[in-house]
Amino acid sequence: MKTAVITLLLLLLLLLLVIHQSMYNWGGGKICSNPIETCSGSNNLCGSIIIYAVPTYSKGCMSAYQCSVLNKPRISSARCCSTDLCNK
């Protein structure tokens, strides 16, 4: 059981690092200077992420891999799309 808790904590830390590296629009009162972002390159999808443990809500550009990694039942929810303003 101790290993499961450590694994969960490491996964949450990884999720937070990925979000910190690739997101621009954090919830909780942060004001974004430019709330519209053009996604390109390897981060070509628009994403909306909810992390339940913190709780944190975020929007921004990400890769399909990041979207799949961040979509973990009971830990976080990720929804990604590829049309203009689809994660609004």
C-alpha atoms as a PDB file:
ATOM      1  CA  MET A   1       0.000   0.000   0.000  1.00  0.00           C
ATOM      2  CA  LYS A   2       2.874   2.368   0.746  1.00  0.00           C
ATOM      3  CA  THR A   3       4.204   1.814  -2.784  1.00  0.00           C
ATOM      4  CA  ALA A   4       0.800   2.731  -4.240  1.00  0.00           C
ATOM      5  CA  VAL A   5       0.742   6.019  -2.307  1.00  0.00           C
ATOM      6  CA  ILE A   6       4.261   6.906  -3.429  1.00  0.00           C
ATOM      7  CA  THR A   7       3.383   6.017  -7.029  1.00  0.00           C
ATOM      8  CA  LEU A   8       0.272   8.204  -6.867  1.00  0.00           C
ATOM      9  CA  LEU A   9       2.239  11.127  -5.439  1.00  0.00           C
ATOM     10  CA  LEU A  10       4.890  10.788  -8.142  1.00  0.00           C
ATOM     11  CA  LEU A  11       2.190  10.679 -10.822  1.00  0.00           C
ATOM     12  CA  LEU A  12       0.590  13.833  -9.409  1.00  0.00           C
ATOM     13  CA  LEU A  13       3.975  15.554  -9.379  1.00  0.00           C
ATOM     14  CA  LEU A  14       4.540  14.528 -13.003  1.00  0.00           C
ATOM     15  CA  LEU A  15       1.101  15.858 -13.953  1.00  0.00           C
ATOM     16  CA  LEU A  16       1.806  19.183 -12.297  1.00  0.00           C
ATOM     17  CA  LEU A  17       5.169  19.481 -14.039  1.00  0.00           C
ATOM     18  CA  VAL A  18       3.658  18.732 -17.452  1.00  0.00           C
ATOM     19  CA  ILE A  19       0.927  21.283 -16.902  1.00  0.00           C
ATOM     20  CA  HIS A  20       3.383  23.879 -15.631  1.00  0.00           C
ATOM     21  CA  GLN A  21       5.554  23.412 -18.723  1.00  0.00           C
ATOM     22  CA  SER A  22       2.793  23.535 -21.319  1.00  0.00           C
ATOM     23  CA  MET A  23      -0.192  25.489 -20.013  1.00  0.00           C
ATOM     24  CA  TYR A  24      -0.809  29.187 -19.936  1.00  0.00           C
ATOM     25  CA  ASN A  25      -4.286  29.709 -18.510  1.00  0.00           C
ATOM     26  CA  TRP A  26      -4.503  28.585 -14.881  1.00  0.00           C
ATOM     27  CA  GLY A  27      -7.731  28.877 -12.957  1.00  0.00           C
ATOM     28  CA  GLY A  28      -7.950  30.393  -9.517  1.00  0.00           C
ATOM     29  CA  GLY A  29      -7.895  34.062 -10.396  1.00  0.00           C
ATOM     30  CA  LYS A  30      -4.790  34.346 -12.547  1.00  0.00           C
ATOM     31  CA  ILE A  31      -5.308  36.915 -15.285  1.00  0.00           C
ATOM     32  CA  CYS A  32      -3.816  35.969 -18.647  1.00  0.00           C
ATOM     33  CA  SER A  33      -2.392  38.740 -20.792  1.00  0.00           C
ATOM     34  CA  ASN A  34      -3.501  36.929 -23.962  1.00  0.00           C
ATOM     35  CA  PRO A  35      -6.271  34.385 -23.345  1.00  0.00           C
ATOM     36  CA  ILE A  36      -6.193  33.125 -26.945  1.00  0.00           C
ATOM     37  CA  GLU A  37      -3.230  31.033 -28.035  1.00  0.00           C
ATOM     38  CA  THR A  38      -2.446  29.478 -31.421  1.00  0.00           C
ATOM     39  CA  CYS A  39      -1.379  25.858 -30.990  1.00  0.00           C
ATOM     40  CA  SER A  40       1.318  24.605 -33.331  1.00  0.00           C
ATOM     41  CA  GLY A  41       4.244  22.231 -33.620  1.00  0.00           C
ATOM     42  CA  SER A  42       4.215  19.224 -31.332  1.00  0.00           C
ATOM     43  CA  ASN A  43       1.707  20.976 -29.026  1.00  0.00           C
ATOM     44  CA  ASN A  44      -0.940  21.167 -31.737  1.00  0.00           C
ATOM     45  CA  LEU A  45      -4.076  20.370 -29.702  1.00  0.00           C
ATOM     46  CA  CYS A  46      -6.194  22.608 -27.478  1.00  0.00           C
ATOM     47  CA  GLY A  47      -6.685  21.068 -24.073  1.00  0.00           C
ATOM     48  CA  SER A  48      -8.701  21.503 -20.900  1.00  0.00           C
ATOM     49  CA  ILE A  49      -7.363  19.764 -17.790  1.00  0.00           C
ATOM     50  CA  ILE A  50      -8.858  19.262 -14.336  1.00  0.00           C
ATOM     51  CA  ILE A  51      -6.682  17.793 -11.569  1.00  0.00           C
ATOM     52  CA  TYR A  52      -8.960  16.591  -8.785  1.00  0.00           C
ATOM     53  CA  ALA A  53      -6.457  16.310  -5.918  1.00  0.00           C
ATOM     54  CA  VAL A  54      -5.321  19.938  -5.981  1.00  0.00           C
ATOM     55  CA  PRO A  55      -8.020  21.017  -7.455  1.00  0.00           C
ATOM     56  CA  THR A  56      -6.689  22.847 -10.500  1.00  0.00           C
ATOM     57  CA  TYR A  57      -8.256  23.755 -13.835  1.00  0.00           C
ATOM     58  CA  SER A  58      -6.122  24.661 -16.827  1.00  0.00           C
ATOM     59  CA  LYS A  59      -6.385  25.314 -20.552  1.00  0.00           C
ATOM     60  CA  GLY A  60      -3.689  25.499 -23.199  1.00  0.00           C
ATOM     61  CA  CYS A  61      -1.828  23.790 -26.008  1.00  0.00           C
ATOM     62  CA  MET A  62      -0.514  20.252 -25.647  1.00  0.00           C
ATOM     63  CA  SER A  63       0.430  17.172 -27.616  1.00  0.00           C
ATOM     64  CA  ALA A  64      -1.822  14.147 -28.052  1.00  0.00           C
ATOM     65  CA  TYR A  65       0.567  12.215 -25.791  1.00  0.00           C
ATOM     66  CA  GLN A  66       0.282  14.794 -22.994  1.00  0.00           C
ATOM     67  CA  CYS A  67      -3.495  14.705 -23.326  1.00  0.00           C
ATOM     68  CA  SER A  68      -3.563  10.917 -22.955  1.00  0.00           C
ATOM     69  CA  VAL A  69      -1.139  10.981 -19.995  1.00  0.00           C
ATOM     70  CA  LEU A  70      -3.210  13.630 -18.216  1.00  0.00           C
ATOM     71  CA  ASN A  71      -6.493  11.743 -18.662  1.00  0.00           C
ATOM     72  CA  LYS A  72      -6.385   9.445 -15.614  1.00  0.00           C
ATOM     73  CA  PRO A  73      -9.670   8.421 -13.956  1.00  0.00           C
ATOM     74  CA  ARG A  74     -10.006   9.622 -10.333  1.00  0.00           C
ATOM     75  CA  ILE A  75      -6.790  11.688 -10.678  1.00  0.00           C
ATOM     76  CA  SER A  76      -7.331  14.077 -13.564  1.00  0.00           C
ATOM     77  CA  SER A  77      -9.500  14.687 -16.586  1.00  0.00           C
ATOM     78  CA  ALA A  78      -8.180  15.876 -19.942  1.00  0.00           C
ATOM     79  CA  ARG A  79     -10.194  16.860 -22.987  1.00  0.00           C
ATOM     80  CA  CYS A  80      -8.345  17.745 -26.184  1.00  0.00           C
ATOM     81  CA  CYS A  81      -9.579  19.006 -29.536  1.00  0.00           C
ATOM     82  CA  SER A  82      -8.163  20.505 -32.718  1.00  0.00           C
ATOM     83  CA  THR A  83     -10.573  23.188 -33.939  1.00  0.00           C
ATOM     84  CA  ASP A  84     -10.370  26.923 -33.191  1.00  0.00           C
ATOM     85  CA  LEU A  85     -11.428  27.843 -29.642  1.00  0.00           C
ATOM     86  CA  CYS A  86     -12.737  24.324 -29.013  1.00  0.00           C
ATOM     87  CA  ASN A  87     -11.534  24.289 -25.383  1.00  0.00           C
ATOM     88  CA  LYS A  88     -13.265  27.533 -24.469  1.00  0.00           C
END
